[in-house]
Amino acid sequence: MIRGLYAVTTECEDIAEKLIDALEGGAGIVQYRSKSSNSDLKRKQALTIKSLCDRYCVPLIVNDDIDLAVEIGADGAHIGIDDGPIREARIKLGKRILGVSCYDRLDLALEAEMLGADYVAFGSFFPSATKPDAARASPNLLQMAKLSIKIPVVAIGGITLENGAGLVACGADALAVITALFDAPDIRIAANRFSELFSLRT
């Protein structure tokens, strides 16, 4: 289920319209990401995005908010190192998807798999406007991870159409993309081209 273009939403008023284009273009997973402190707004946005994901039969993952993921019936949640224990998240989510950020550390990925994560994410692989101070991961980390763990591996951070192909070649099962997707002149075409990167891998 975790494969291909992993579309991570941006903080903008027209995200629903943009997301439709991304889904039409072939996005295989969607993550609702919002840093707003307005819980009512987040719930409303998340429900809107869930309805779109349901329409296209694409799993919805909620970033950093397990309670919201469970409340709206999302397919899963994604947590980072500061978002609480993995074991507790696994219990709260039940059979829903659990993704865990592992930054530039294979040891965190091994632990996450052992504690019940369904996929892990590494990055930032390239400079990222979203998280400019994020730890920088090497593409070789993807190769090591594919040899060490059995769950899917997601690459994130500054990914573009130009540099994404190399990460797929190194073993990334999915590319998590924000800016290069939602700020593209034609989101549908960008999503389609990101998706095509995976069809080229043998």
N, C-alpha and C. Protein backbone atom coordinates (compact mmCIF):
# COMPACT_ATOMS: atom_id res chain seq x y z
N MET A 1 0.82 -1.20 0.00
CA MET A 1 0.00 0.00 0.00
C MET A 1 0.86 1.26 0.00
N ILE A 2 2.08 1.19 0.54
CA ILE A 2 2.96 2.35 0.59
C ILE A 2 3.94 2.25 -0.58
N ARG A 3 3.53 2.83 -1.70
CA ARG A 3 4.38 2.79 -2.90
C ARG A 3 4.00 3.91 -3.85
N GLY A 4 5.01 4.51 -4.45
CA GLY A 4 4.77 5.54 -5.46
C GLY A 4 4.85 6.94 -4.89
N LEU A 5 4.08 7.84 -5.47
CA LEU A 5 4.08 9.24 -5.03
C LEU A 5 3.28 9.38 -3.74
N TYR A 6 3.93 9.88 -2.72
CA TYR A 6 3.35 10.11 -1.41
C TYR A 6 3.15 11.62 -1.29
N ALA A 7 1.94 12.09 -1.53
CA ALA A 7 1.65 13.52 -1.56
C ALA A 7 1.41 14.04 -0.15
N VAL A 8 2.23 15.02 0.26
CA VAL A 8 2.09 15.62 1.59
C VAL A 8 1.50 17.01 1.42
N THR A 9 0.34 17.25 2.03
CA THR A 9 -0.39 18.49 1.78
C THR A 9 0.32 19.72 2.33
N THR A 10 0.02 20.86 1.71
CA THR A 10 0.59 22.14 2.12
C THR A 10 -0.45 22.94 2.90
N GLU A 11 0.02 23.99 3.55
CA GLU A 11 -0.87 24.89 4.28
C GLU A 11 -1.40 25.96 3.32
N CYS A 12 -2.48 25.68 2.62
CA CYS A 12 -3.06 26.65 1.71
C CYS A 12 -4.57 26.45 1.65
N GLU A 13 -5.29 27.51 1.32
CA GLU A 13 -6.74 27.47 1.33
C GLU A 13 -7.31 26.57 0.24
N ASP A 14 -6.60 26.46 -0.88
CA ASP A 14 -7.14 25.69 -2.01
C ASP A 14 -6.52 24.29 -2.10
N ILE A 15 -6.14 23.74 -0.94
CA ILE A 15 -5.46 22.44 -0.96
C ILE A 15 -6.36 21.35 -1.54
N ALA A 16 -7.67 21.44 -1.32
CA ALA A 16 -8.57 20.40 -1.86
C ALA A 16 -8.51 20.36 -3.38
N GLU A 17 -8.55 21.53 -4.00
CA GLU A 17 -8.48 21.59 -5.46
C GLU A 17 -7.15 21.07 -5.97
N LYS A 18 -6.07 21.44 -5.27
CA LYS A 18 -4.74 20.97 -5.67
C LYS A 18 -4.62 19.46 -5.48
N LEU A 19 -5.22 18.97 -4.41
CA LEU A 19 -5.12 17.54 -4.13
C LEU A 19 -5.86 16.73 -5.19
N ILE A 20 -6.96 17.22 -5.68
CA ILE A 20 -7.68 16.54 -6.75
C ILE A 20 -6.76 16.34 -7.95
N ASP A 21 -6.01 17.38 -8.31
CA ASP A 21 -5.08 17.27 -9.44
C ASP A 21 -4.00 16.23 -9.15
N ALA A 22 -3.50 16.22 -7.91
CA ALA A 22 -2.46 15.24 -7.55
C ALA A 22 -3.01 13.81 -7.62
N LEU A 23 -4.22 13.62 -7.16
CA LEU A 23 -4.84 12.30 -7.22
C LEU A 23 -5.14 11.88 -8.64
N GLU A 24 -5.59 12.82 -9.44
CA GLU A 24 -5.84 12.53 -10.86
C GLU A 24 -4.54 12.14 -11.56
N GLY A 25 -3.43 12.72 -11.09
CA GLY A 25 -2.14 12.44 -11.70
C GLY A 25 -1.50 11.15 -11.23
N GLY A 26 -2.07 10.53 -10.20
CA GLY A 26 -1.57 9.23 -9.79
C GLY A 26 -0.96 9.13 -8.41
N ALA A 27 -1.15 10.14 -7.55
CA ALA A 27 -0.64 10.04 -6.17
C ALA A 27 -1.17 8.77 -5.52
N GLY A 28 -0.28 7.99 -4.91
CA GLY A 28 -0.67 6.70 -4.35
C GLY A 28 -0.95 6.72 -2.87
N ILE A 29 -0.46 7.75 -2.16
CA ILE A 29 -0.71 7.93 -0.74
C ILE A 29 -0.82 9.43 -0.50
N VAL A 30 -1.64 9.83 0.47
CA VAL A 30 -1.76 11.24 0.84
C VAL A 30 -1.54 11.37 2.34
N GLN A 31 -0.73 12.37 2.69
CA GLN A 31 -0.57 12.69 4.11
C GLN A 31 -1.13 14.09 4.35
N TYR A 32 -2.08 14.17 5.32
CA TYR A 32 -2.58 15.47 5.74
C TYR A 32 -1.62 16.02 6.78
N ARG A 33 -0.98 17.14 6.45
CA ARG A 33 0.00 17.76 7.33
C ARG A 33 -0.42 19.19 7.60
N SER A 34 -0.68 19.52 8.85
CA SER A 34 -1.05 20.88 9.22
C SER A 34 -0.46 21.20 10.59
N LYS A 35 0.15 22.36 10.70
CA LYS A 35 0.71 22.81 11.96
C LYS A 35 -0.20 23.82 12.66
N SER A 36 -1.43 23.93 12.19
CA SER A 36 -2.39 24.86 12.78
C SER A 36 -2.75 24.41 14.20
N SER A 37 -2.98 25.38 15.07
CA SER A 37 -3.42 25.07 16.43
C SER A 37 -4.94 25.05 16.54
N ASN A 38 -5.62 25.33 15.44
CA ASN A 38 -7.08 25.36 15.39
C ASN A 38 -7.59 23.94 15.13
N SER A 39 -8.02 23.26 16.18
CA SER A 39 -8.42 21.86 16.05
C SER A 39 -9.67 21.71 15.19
N ASP A 40 -10.59 22.66 15.25
CA ASP A 40 -11.80 22.58 14.44
C ASP A 40 -11.47 22.69 12.95
N LEU A 41 -10.56 23.61 12.62
CA LEU A 41 -10.13 23.78 11.23
C LEU A 41 -9.44 22.52 10.73
N LYS A 42 -8.56 21.96 11.56
CA LYS A 42 -7.84 20.74 11.16
C LYS A 42 -8.82 19.60 10.91
N ARG A 43 -9.80 19.46 11.77
CA ARG A 43 -10.77 18.37 11.60
C ARG A 43 -11.56 18.56 10.31
N LYS A 44 -11.98 19.80 10.04
CA LYS A 44 -12.74 20.09 8.82
C LYS A 44 -11.91 19.80 7.59
N GLN A 45 -10.64 20.26 7.59
CA GLN A 45 -9.76 20.01 6.44
C GLN A 45 -9.51 18.52 6.27
N ALA A 46 -9.26 17.85 7.37
CA ALA A 46 -8.95 16.41 7.31
C ALA A 46 -10.13 15.61 6.76
N LEU A 47 -11.34 15.98 7.15
CA LEU A 47 -12.52 15.29 6.65
C LEU A 47 -12.72 15.53 5.15
N THR A 48 -12.44 16.75 4.72
CA THR A 48 -12.54 17.06 3.29
C THR A 48 -11.54 16.24 2.50
N ILE A 49 -10.31 16.18 2.99
CA ILE A 49 -9.27 15.42 2.31
C ILE A 49 -9.58 13.93 2.34
N LYS A 50 -10.13 13.44 3.45
CA LYS A 50 -10.49 12.03 3.53
C LYS A 50 -11.53 11.67 2.47
N SER A 51 -12.51 12.54 2.28
CA SER A 51 -13.54 12.25 1.28
C SER A 51 -12.95 12.16 -0.12
N LEU A 52 -11.95 12.99 -0.40
CA LEU A 52 -11.27 12.93 -1.70
C LEU A 52 -10.48 11.64 -1.83
N CYS A 53 -9.75 11.28 -0.77
CA CYS A 53 -8.96 10.05 -0.81
C CYS A 53 -9.85 8.83 -0.97
N ASP A 54 -11.00 8.84 -0.29
CA ASP A 54 -11.94 7.73 -0.42
C ASP A 54 -12.44 7.62 -1.86
N ARG A 55 -12.70 8.78 -2.48
CA ARG A 55 -13.21 8.79 -3.86
C ARG A 55 -12.21 8.14 -4.81
N TYR A 56 -10.92 8.36 -4.55
CA TYR A 56 -9.88 7.83 -5.45
C TYR A 56 -9.26 6.54 -4.91
N CYS A 57 -9.81 6.02 -3.81
CA CYS A 57 -9.31 4.77 -3.21
C CYS A 57 -7.82 4.86 -2.88
N VAL A 58 -7.43 5.99 -2.30
CA VAL A 58 -6.04 6.23 -1.91
C VAL A 58 -5.98 6.38 -0.40
N PRO A 59 -5.05 5.71 0.28
CA PRO A 59 -4.98 5.81 1.74
C PRO A 59 -4.60 7.21 2.22
N LEU A 60 -5.23 7.63 3.31
CA LEU A 60 -4.94 8.92 3.94
C LEU A 60 -4.21 8.68 5.25
N ILE A 61 -3.07 9.35 5.39
CA ILE A 61 -2.27 9.30 6.60
C ILE A 61 -2.31 10.69 7.24
N VAL A 62 -2.52 10.76 8.54
CA VAL A 62 -2.53 12.04 9.26
C VAL A 62 -1.19 12.22 9.96
N ASN A 63 -0.59 13.38 9.77
CA ASN A 63 0.72 13.67 10.36
C ASN A 63 0.59 14.16 11.80
N ASP A 64 1.33 13.53 12.69
CA ASP A 64 1.52 14.02 14.06
C ASP A 64 0.26 14.05 14.93
N ASP A 65 -0.84 13.45 14.51
CA ASP A 65 -2.06 13.55 15.29
C ASP A 65 -2.83 12.23 15.22
N ILE A 66 -2.48 11.32 16.10
CA ILE A 66 -3.09 9.99 16.10
C ILE A 66 -4.57 10.07 16.45
N ASP A 67 -4.90 10.94 17.41
CA ASP A 67 -6.30 11.05 17.83
C ASP A 67 -7.18 11.52 16.67
N LEU A 68 -6.69 12.49 15.90
CA LEU A 68 -7.44 12.97 14.75
C LEU A 68 -7.58 11.88 13.70
N ALA A 69 -6.52 11.13 13.48
CA ALA A 69 -6.57 10.03 12.50
C ALA A 69 -7.65 9.02 12.86
N VAL A 70 -7.73 8.67 14.13
CA VAL A 70 -8.73 7.71 14.58
C VAL A 70 -10.12 8.32 14.50
N GLU A 71 -10.24 9.59 14.90
CA GLU A 71 -11.55 10.26 14.94
C GLU A 71 -12.21 10.32 13.56
N ILE A 72 -11.42 10.65 12.52
CA ILE A 72 -12.01 10.82 11.19
C ILE A 72 -12.01 9.53 10.37
N GLY A 73 -11.45 8.46 10.94
CA GLY A 73 -11.41 7.20 10.22
C GLY A 73 -10.36 7.17 9.13
N ALA A 74 -9.26 7.89 9.34
CA ALA A 74 -8.15 7.87 8.37
C ALA A 74 -7.53 6.48 8.33
N ASP A 75 -6.73 6.24 7.29
CA ASP A 75 -6.11 4.93 7.13
C ASP A 75 -4.89 4.75 8.03
N GLY A 76 -4.38 5.86 8.58
CA GLY A 76 -3.24 5.74 9.45
C GLY A 76 -2.71 7.08 9.91
N ALA A 77 -1.56 7.04 10.59
CA ALA A 77 -0.92 8.25 11.10
C ALA A 77 0.59 8.11 10.95
N HIS A 78 1.25 9.27 10.91
CA HIS A 78 2.70 9.30 10.81
C HIS A 78 3.23 10.11 11.98
N ILE A 79 4.23 9.57 12.67
CA ILE A 79 4.78 10.25 13.83
C ILE A 79 6.29 10.42 13.71
N GLY A 80 6.79 11.42 14.45
CA GLY A 80 8.22 11.67 14.51
C GLY A 80 8.77 11.32 15.88
N ILE A 81 10.01 11.63 16.08
CA ILE A 81 10.70 11.24 17.31
C ILE A 81 10.12 11.93 18.54
N ASP A 82 9.50 13.10 18.35
CA ASP A 82 8.96 13.86 19.48
C ASP A 82 7.46 13.68 19.66
N ASP A 83 6.87 12.74 18.95
CA ASP A 83 5.41 12.59 18.97
C ASP A 83 4.91 11.45 19.84
N GLY A 84 5.75 10.98 20.75
CA GLY A 84 5.31 9.94 21.67
C GLY A 84 5.84 8.56 21.30
N PRO A 85 5.69 7.61 22.21
CA PRO A 85 6.23 6.26 21.99
C PRO A 85 5.55 5.54 20.83
N ILE A 86 6.35 4.81 20.07
CA ILE A 86 5.82 4.05 18.94
C ILE A 86 4.86 2.98 19.41
N ARG A 87 5.20 2.34 20.49
CA ARG A 87 4.35 1.25 21.00
C ARG A 87 2.96 1.77 21.36
N GLU A 88 2.90 2.95 21.96
CA GLU A 88 1.61 3.54 22.32
C GLU A 88 0.82 3.91 21.06
N ALA A 89 1.52 4.46 20.07
CA ALA A 89 0.86 4.80 18.81
C ALA A 89 0.28 3.56 18.14
N ARG A 90 1.05 2.46 18.19
CA ARG A 90 0.59 1.21 17.58
C ARG A 90 -0.71 0.73 18.24
N ILE A 91 -0.78 0.85 19.54
CA ILE A 91 -1.97 0.41 20.27
C ILE A 91 -3.17 1.29 19.91
N LYS A 92 -2.97 2.61 19.86
CA LYS A 92 -4.07 3.53 19.56
C LYS A 92 -4.60 3.33 18.14
N LEU A 93 -3.70 3.07 17.21
CA LEU A 93 -4.09 2.95 15.81
C LEU A 93 -4.70 1.60 15.47
N GLY A 94 -4.46 0.60 16.29
CA GLY A 94 -4.98 -0.72 15.98
C GLY A 94 -4.39 -1.23 14.67
N LYS A 95 -5.25 -1.59 13.73
CA LYS A 95 -4.79 -2.12 12.45
C LYS A 95 -4.49 -1.05 11.41
N ARG A 96 -4.68 0.22 11.78
CA ARG A 96 -4.38 1.30 10.84
C ARG A 96 -2.88 1.39 10.58
N ILE A 97 -2.51 2.08 9.52
CA ILE A 97 -1.11 2.22 9.11
C ILE A 97 -0.37 3.14 10.08
N LEU A 98 0.82 2.73 10.47
CA LEU A 98 1.68 3.56 11.31
C LEU A 98 3.00 3.81 10.58
N GLY A 99 3.28 5.07 10.31
CA GLY A 99 4.56 5.47 9.71
C GLY A 99 5.40 6.21 10.72
N VAL A 100 6.71 6.03 10.66
CA VAL A 100 7.62 6.63 11.64
C VAL A 100 8.79 7.31 10.93
N SER A 101 9.04 8.57 11.28
CA SER A 101 10.21 9.28 10.75
C SER A 101 11.48 8.79 11.44
N CYS A 102 12.48 8.45 10.63
CA CYS A 102 13.75 7.95 11.18
C CYS A 102 14.94 8.81 10.77
N TYR A 103 14.67 9.91 10.06
CA TYR A 103 15.67 10.92 9.75
C TYR A 103 16.86 10.34 8.99
N ASP A 104 18.04 10.34 9.62
CA ASP A 104 19.23 9.78 8.95
C ASP A 104 19.77 8.57 9.70
N ARG A 105 18.88 7.88 10.45
CA ARG A 105 19.34 6.83 11.36
C ARG A 105 18.68 5.48 11.07
N LEU A 106 19.49 4.52 10.68
CA LEU A 106 19.02 3.17 10.44
C LEU A 106 18.60 2.49 11.73
N ASP A 107 19.26 2.82 12.84
CA ASP A 107 18.91 2.19 14.12
C ASP A 107 17.47 2.51 14.53
N LEU A 108 17.03 3.74 14.23
CA LEU A 108 15.65 4.10 14.55
C LEU A 108 14.67 3.30 13.71
N ALA A 109 15.05 3.04 12.46
CA ALA A 109 14.19 2.26 11.57
C ALA A 109 14.07 0.81 12.05
N LEU A 110 15.17 0.25 12.48
CA LEU A 110 15.15 -1.12 13.00
C LEU A 110 14.25 -1.22 14.23
N GLU A 111 14.36 -0.22 15.10
CA GLU A 111 13.53 -0.19 16.31
C GLU A 111 12.06 0.00 15.95
N ALA A 112 11.80 0.90 15.00
CA ALA A 112 10.42 1.17 14.60
C ALA A 112 9.76 -0.08 14.03
N GLU A 113 10.49 -0.80 13.21
CA GLU A 113 9.94 -2.05 12.65
C GLU A 113 9.63 -3.04 13.77
N MET A 114 10.53 -3.16 14.72
CA MET A 114 10.35 -4.10 15.82
C MET A 114 9.12 -3.74 16.66
N LEU A 115 8.85 -2.43 16.79
CA LEU A 115 7.75 -1.96 17.64
C LEU A 115 6.42 -1.88 16.89
N GLY A 116 6.42 -2.24 15.60
CA GLY A 116 5.15 -2.34 14.90
C GLY A 116 4.87 -1.33 13.82
N ALA A 117 5.87 -0.54 13.42
CA ALA A 117 5.65 0.42 12.33
C ALA A 117 5.37 -0.33 11.03
N ASP A 118 4.53 0.26 10.19
CA ASP A 118 4.21 -0.33 8.89
C ASP A 118 5.11 0.20 7.78
N TYR A 119 5.71 1.36 8.01
CA TYR A 119 6.73 1.89 7.10
C TYR A 119 7.57 2.90 7.84
N VAL A 120 8.74 3.20 7.31
CA VAL A 120 9.61 4.22 7.90
C VAL A 120 9.95 5.25 6.83
N ALA A 121 10.27 6.45 7.29
CA ALA A 121 10.65 7.52 6.36
C ALA A 121 12.02 8.06 6.75
N PHE A 122 12.87 8.25 5.74
CA PHE A 122 14.19 8.84 5.94
C PHE A 122 14.26 10.18 5.23
N GLY A 123 15.08 11.07 5.76
CA GLY A 123 15.29 12.36 5.12
C GLY A 123 15.50 13.43 6.18
N SER A 124 15.94 14.54 5.74
CA SER A 124 15.86 15.12 4.41
C SER A 124 17.07 14.70 3.55
N PHE A 125 16.76 14.32 2.29
CA PHE A 125 17.84 13.94 1.39
C PHE A 125 18.44 15.14 0.67
N PHE A 126 17.66 16.19 0.53
CA PHE A 126 18.11 17.41 -0.14
C PHE A 126 17.63 18.62 0.65
N PRO A 127 18.18 19.81 0.39
CA PRO A 127 17.71 21.00 1.10
C PRO A 127 16.20 21.16 0.96
N SER A 128 15.54 21.45 2.06
CA SER A 128 14.08 21.53 2.08
C SER A 128 13.61 22.84 2.68
N ALA A 129 12.75 23.53 1.96
CA ALA A 129 12.19 24.78 2.49
C ALA A 129 11.23 24.50 3.64
N THR A 130 10.61 23.33 3.64
CA THR A 130 9.66 22.97 4.69
C THR A 130 10.38 22.76 6.02
N LYS A 131 11.53 22.05 5.98
CA LYS A 131 12.33 21.82 7.19
C LYS A 131 13.80 22.09 6.88
N PRO A 132 14.18 23.38 6.85
CA PRO A 132 15.55 23.72 6.46
C PRO A 132 16.63 23.20 7.39
N ASP A 133 16.27 22.93 8.64
CA ASP A 133 17.27 22.46 9.61
C ASP A 133 17.24 20.95 9.81
N ALA A 134 16.53 20.24 8.96
CA ALA A 134 16.40 18.79 9.12
C ALA A 134 17.73 18.09 8.90
N ALA A 135 17.92 16.97 9.60
CA ALA A 135 19.13 16.16 9.40
C ALA A 135 19.19 15.69 7.95
N ARG A 136 20.41 15.65 7.41
CA ARG A 136 20.59 15.25 6.01
C ARG A 136 20.92 13.76 5.92
N ALA A 137 20.15 13.05 5.13
CA ALA A 137 20.36 11.60 4.94
C ALA A 137 21.05 11.35 3.61
N SER A 138 21.80 10.27 3.56
CA SER A 138 22.49 9.87 2.33
C SER A 138 21.65 8.85 1.58
N PRO A 139 21.64 8.91 0.24
CA PRO A 139 20.91 7.90 -0.53
C PRO A 139 21.35 6.48 -0.21
N ASN A 140 22.61 6.32 0.23
CA ASN A 140 23.08 4.99 0.61
C ASN A 140 22.29 4.40 1.77
N LEU A 141 21.71 5.28 2.58
CA LEU A 141 20.91 4.82 3.71
C LEU A 141 19.71 4.01 3.22
N LEU A 142 19.15 4.38 2.08
CA LEU A 142 18.03 3.63 1.51
C LEU A 142 18.46 2.21 1.16
N GLN A 143 19.63 2.09 0.57
CA GLN A 143 20.14 0.77 0.20
C GLN A 143 20.37 -0.09 1.43
N MET A 144 20.95 0.50 2.47
CA MET A 144 21.18 -0.25 3.71
C MET A 144 19.86 -0.66 4.36
N ALA A 145 18.89 0.25 4.33
CA ALA A 145 17.59 -0.04 4.93
C ALA A 145 16.89 -1.19 4.22
N LYS A 146 16.97 -1.22 2.90
CA LYS A 146 16.31 -2.29 2.15
C LYS A 146 16.93 -3.65 2.43
N LEU A 147 18.19 -3.65 2.84
CA LEU A 147 18.85 -4.90 3.20
C LEU A 147 18.58 -5.32 4.64
N SER A 148 18.11 -4.35 5.46
CA SER A 148 18.00 -4.60 6.90
C SER A 148 16.58 -4.75 7.41
N ILE A 149 15.62 -4.14 6.73
CA ILE A 149 14.24 -4.19 7.21
C ILE A 149 13.31 -4.67 6.10
N LYS A 150 12.14 -5.13 6.48
CA LYS A 150 11.20 -5.70 5.51
C LYS A 150 10.05 -4.76 5.18
N ILE A 151 9.83 -3.72 5.99
CA ILE A 151 8.72 -2.81 5.75
C ILE A 151 9.12 -1.75 4.72
N PRO A 152 8.15 -1.11 4.06
CA PRO A 152 8.46 -0.11 3.04
C PRO A 152 9.27 1.08 3.59
N VAL A 153 10.03 1.68 2.67
CA VAL A 153 10.90 2.80 3.00
C VAL A 153 10.48 4.01 2.17
N VAL A 154 10.26 5.13 2.84
CA VAL A 154 9.84 6.36 2.19
C VAL A 154 10.97 7.38 2.27
N ALA A 155 11.22 8.08 1.16
CA ALA A 155 12.22 9.15 1.14
C ALA A 155 11.50 10.49 1.15
N ILE A 156 12.05 11.46 1.89
CA ILE A 156 11.43 12.78 2.00
C ILE A 156 12.49 13.84 2.09
N GLY A 157 12.13 15.05 1.69
CA GLY A 157 13.02 16.19 1.89
C GLY A 157 13.65 16.74 0.63
N GLY A 158 13.08 17.82 0.10
CA GLY A 158 13.66 18.49 -1.06
C GLY A 158 13.61 17.67 -2.34
N ILE A 159 12.69 16.74 -2.43
CA ILE A 159 12.66 15.83 -3.58
C ILE A 159 11.99 16.50 -4.77
N THR A 160 12.62 16.36 -5.92
CA THR A 160 12.12 16.90 -7.18
C THR A 160 12.09 15.80 -8.22
N LEU A 161 11.55 16.11 -9.39
CA LEU A 161 11.57 15.14 -10.48
C LEU A 161 12.99 14.83 -10.92
N GLU A 162 13.87 15.82 -10.77
CA GLU A 162 15.26 15.64 -11.21
C GLU A 162 16.06 14.75 -10.27
N ASN A 163 15.85 14.88 -8.97
CA ASN A 163 16.66 14.07 -8.03
C ASN A 163 15.92 12.84 -7.50
N GLY A 164 14.61 12.76 -7.74
CA GLY A 164 13.84 11.65 -7.20
C GLY A 164 14.17 10.30 -7.80
N ALA A 165 14.53 10.30 -9.09
CA ALA A 165 14.82 9.03 -9.77
C ALA A 165 15.97 8.29 -9.08
N GLY A 166 16.97 9.03 -8.63
CA GLY A 166 18.11 8.40 -7.96
C GLY A 166 17.72 7.74 -6.65
N LEU A 167 16.76 8.33 -5.94
CA LEU A 167 16.31 7.75 -4.68
C LEU A 167 15.49 6.48 -4.92
N VAL A 168 14.71 6.49 -5.98
CA VAL A 168 13.95 5.28 -6.34
C VAL A 168 14.93 4.17 -6.71
N ALA A 169 15.97 4.52 -7.45
CA ALA A 169 16.97 3.53 -7.84
C ALA A 169 17.69 2.95 -6.63
N CYS A 170 17.81 3.75 -5.57
CA CYS A 170 18.48 3.27 -4.35
C CYS A 170 17.55 2.44 -3.47
N GLY A 171 16.26 2.38 -3.83
CA GLY A 171 15.37 1.50 -3.09
C GLY A 171 14.15 2.14 -2.46
N ALA A 172 13.97 3.45 -2.61
CA ALA A 172 12.80 4.09 -2.01
C ALA A 172 11.51 3.49 -2.58
N ASP A 173 10.64 3.05 -1.70
CA ASP A 173 9.35 2.51 -2.13
C ASP A 173 8.36 3.63 -2.44
N ALA A 174 8.58 4.79 -1.84
CA ALA A 174 7.71 5.94 -2.07
C ALA A 174 8.53 7.22 -1.91
N LEU A 175 8.10 8.26 -2.62
CA LEU A 175 8.72 9.58 -2.51
C LEU A 175 7.69 10.53 -1.92
N ALA A 176 7.99 11.07 -0.74
CA ALA A 176 7.11 12.05 -0.10
C ALA A 176 7.46 13.43 -0.63
N VAL A 177 6.49 14.08 -1.27
CA VAL A 177 6.76 15.34 -1.96
C VAL A 177 5.74 16.39 -1.55
N ILE A 178 6.24 17.59 -1.32
CA ILE A 178 5.37 18.72 -0.99
C ILE A 178 5.50 19.79 -2.08
N THR A 179 6.58 20.55 -2.01
CA THR A 179 6.74 21.73 -2.86
C THR A 179 6.78 21.40 -4.34
N ALA A 180 7.59 20.41 -4.72
CA ALA A 180 7.73 20.08 -6.15
C ALA A 180 6.45 19.55 -6.75
N LEU A 181 5.50 19.18 -5.91
CA LEU A 181 4.20 18.71 -6.39
C LEU A 181 3.19 19.85 -6.37
N PHE A 182 2.94 20.40 -5.19
CA PHE A 182 1.85 21.35 -5.05
C PHE A 182 2.18 22.76 -5.54
N ASP A 183 3.45 23.06 -5.75
CA ASP A 183 3.82 24.35 -6.35
C ASP A 183 4.14 24.23 -7.83
N ALA A 184 3.94 23.05 -8.39
CA ALA A 184 4.22 22.84 -9.82
C ALA A 184 3.22 23.60 -10.68
N PRO A 185 3.64 24.08 -11.86
CA PRO A 185 2.72 24.78 -12.76
C PRO A 185 1.50 23.94 -13.13
N ASP A 186 1.70 22.63 -13.28
CA ASP A 186 0.60 21.71 -13.55
C ASP A 186 0.76 20.53 -12.61
N ILE A 187 -0.03 20.51 -11.54
CA ILE A 187 0.11 19.50 -10.50
C ILE A 187 -0.18 18.11 -11.03
N ARG A 188 -1.15 18.00 -11.91
CA ARG A 188 -1.51 16.69 -12.44
C ARG A 188 -0.36 16.09 -13.24
N ILE A 189 0.27 16.89 -14.06
CA ILE A 189 1.40 16.41 -14.86
C ILE A 189 2.56 16.04 -13.95
N ALA A 190 2.83 16.89 -12.93
CA ALA A 190 3.92 16.61 -12.00
C ALA A 190 3.68 15.29 -11.27
N ALA A 191 2.45 15.07 -10.81
CA ALA A 191 2.12 13.82 -10.12
C ALA A 191 2.31 12.62 -11.03
N ASN A 192 1.91 12.77 -12.27
CA ASN A 192 2.06 11.68 -13.23
C ASN A 192 3.53 11.36 -13.47
N ARG A 193 4.35 12.38 -13.55
CA ARG A 193 5.78 12.15 -13.81
C ARG A 193 6.47 11.55 -12.60
N PHE A 194 6.07 11.96 -11.40
CA PHE A 194 6.62 11.32 -10.19
C PHE A 194 6.22 9.85 -10.15
N SER A 195 4.97 9.57 -10.48
CA SER A 195 4.50 8.19 -10.46
C SER A 195 5.24 7.32 -11.47
N GLU A 196 5.56 7.91 -12.59
CA GLU A 196 6.27 7.16 -13.64
C GLU A 196 7.67 6.75 -13.23
N LEU A 197 8.26 7.44 -12.25
CA LEU A 197 9.60 7.07 -11.78
C LEU A 197 9.62 5.65 -11.25
N PHE A 198 8.50 5.20 -10.73
CA PHE A 198 8.44 3.85 -10.14
C PHE A 198 8.21 2.78 -11.19
N SER A 199 7.59 3.14 -12.29
CA SER A 199 7.38 2.16 -13.36
C SER A 199 8.67 1.87 -14.09
N LEU A 200 9.66 2.74 -13.94
CA LEU A 200 10.94 2.56 -14.62
C LEU A 200 11.86 1.61 -13.85
N ARG A 201 11.52 1.38 -12.55
CA ARG A 201 12.39 0.51 -11.73
C ARG A 201 12.07 -0.95 -11.99
N THR A 202 13.08 -1.73 -12.24
CA THR A 202 12.87 -3.17 -12.52
C THR A 202 12.87 -3.94 -11.22
